Amino acid sequence: MDRFIEPKRGALSDSVTTNSSSTRQAHPRTSLDEEYQLLAEQVVQLKMEIATWKATQDERNLDRKHTNSGRDILREELAHIEAECTTYRNETKRTLQETAHTMHKLQHLRLDVAREEEEALPVRTEHDSLQAELNAAQEELSQVKAAQEALRKEIDELENEKARVSSKRSKLDLGVSEIEINIVNSRNEAVAIQQIIDETSPEVVGLLAELARIKKESAKICRHNEKIQARIVTIKR
């Protein structure tokens, strides 16, 4: 914005006086009307200059008012920003404190977990050992069951064979001689079969007793395993 320099009143008066003097000197015969006309024009010019100067001053005052208003707004915004910065600093400080507390608590939890894992290691080792024993017992039980199933099939085959022998004996009624011979043979076969049955019966009884013992030990191991698992769950908690 161009600055308007206020004209000096003395300068304007001197200019008017000088012009009047020079006019009278240049035109000594100038009438009063012409001199009045010249002075009137100078007065009009002076009023225009004064009006221009006042307008410029009003504009400068308005600009100064706007500048002051903008400065106040900026100061308010700056105060608001400083308040927000203070709030953010406080929140950041509180967050850092909470984070430090959380990290401290996490460190304690890690130490507790490490201590519990160290305490649970012997129990886990014992559990693994008992689990291996249980697996071995289950494998042995499966073998006993397989042997029992094979023995049952063999007994079924013997019973079928005995049934076939009985069927043959019924067919020997066609002749006395054949019947007697077949009876003797059948008796011999029956004796042999009975011997086989008598020989296998103790083994069956022994296997059944061993199976009962294994079942009893397996139940005992299962109960012990359940106790160990309950201890592990309690330690983990």
Foldseek 3Di string as FASTA:
>chain_A
DDDDDDDDPVVLVVVLVVVLVVVCVVPVPDDPVVSVVVSVVSVVVVVVSVVVNVVNVVVVVVVVVVVVVVVVVVVVVVVVVVVVVVVVVVVVVVVVVVVVVVVVVVVVVVVLVVVLVVVCVVLVVVLVVLVVVLVVLVVVLVVLVVVVVVVVVVVVVLVVVLVVLVVVLVVQPPDDVSNVVSVVVSVVVVVVSVVVVVVCVVVNVVSVVVSVVSVVVSVVSVVVSVVSVVVSVVSVD
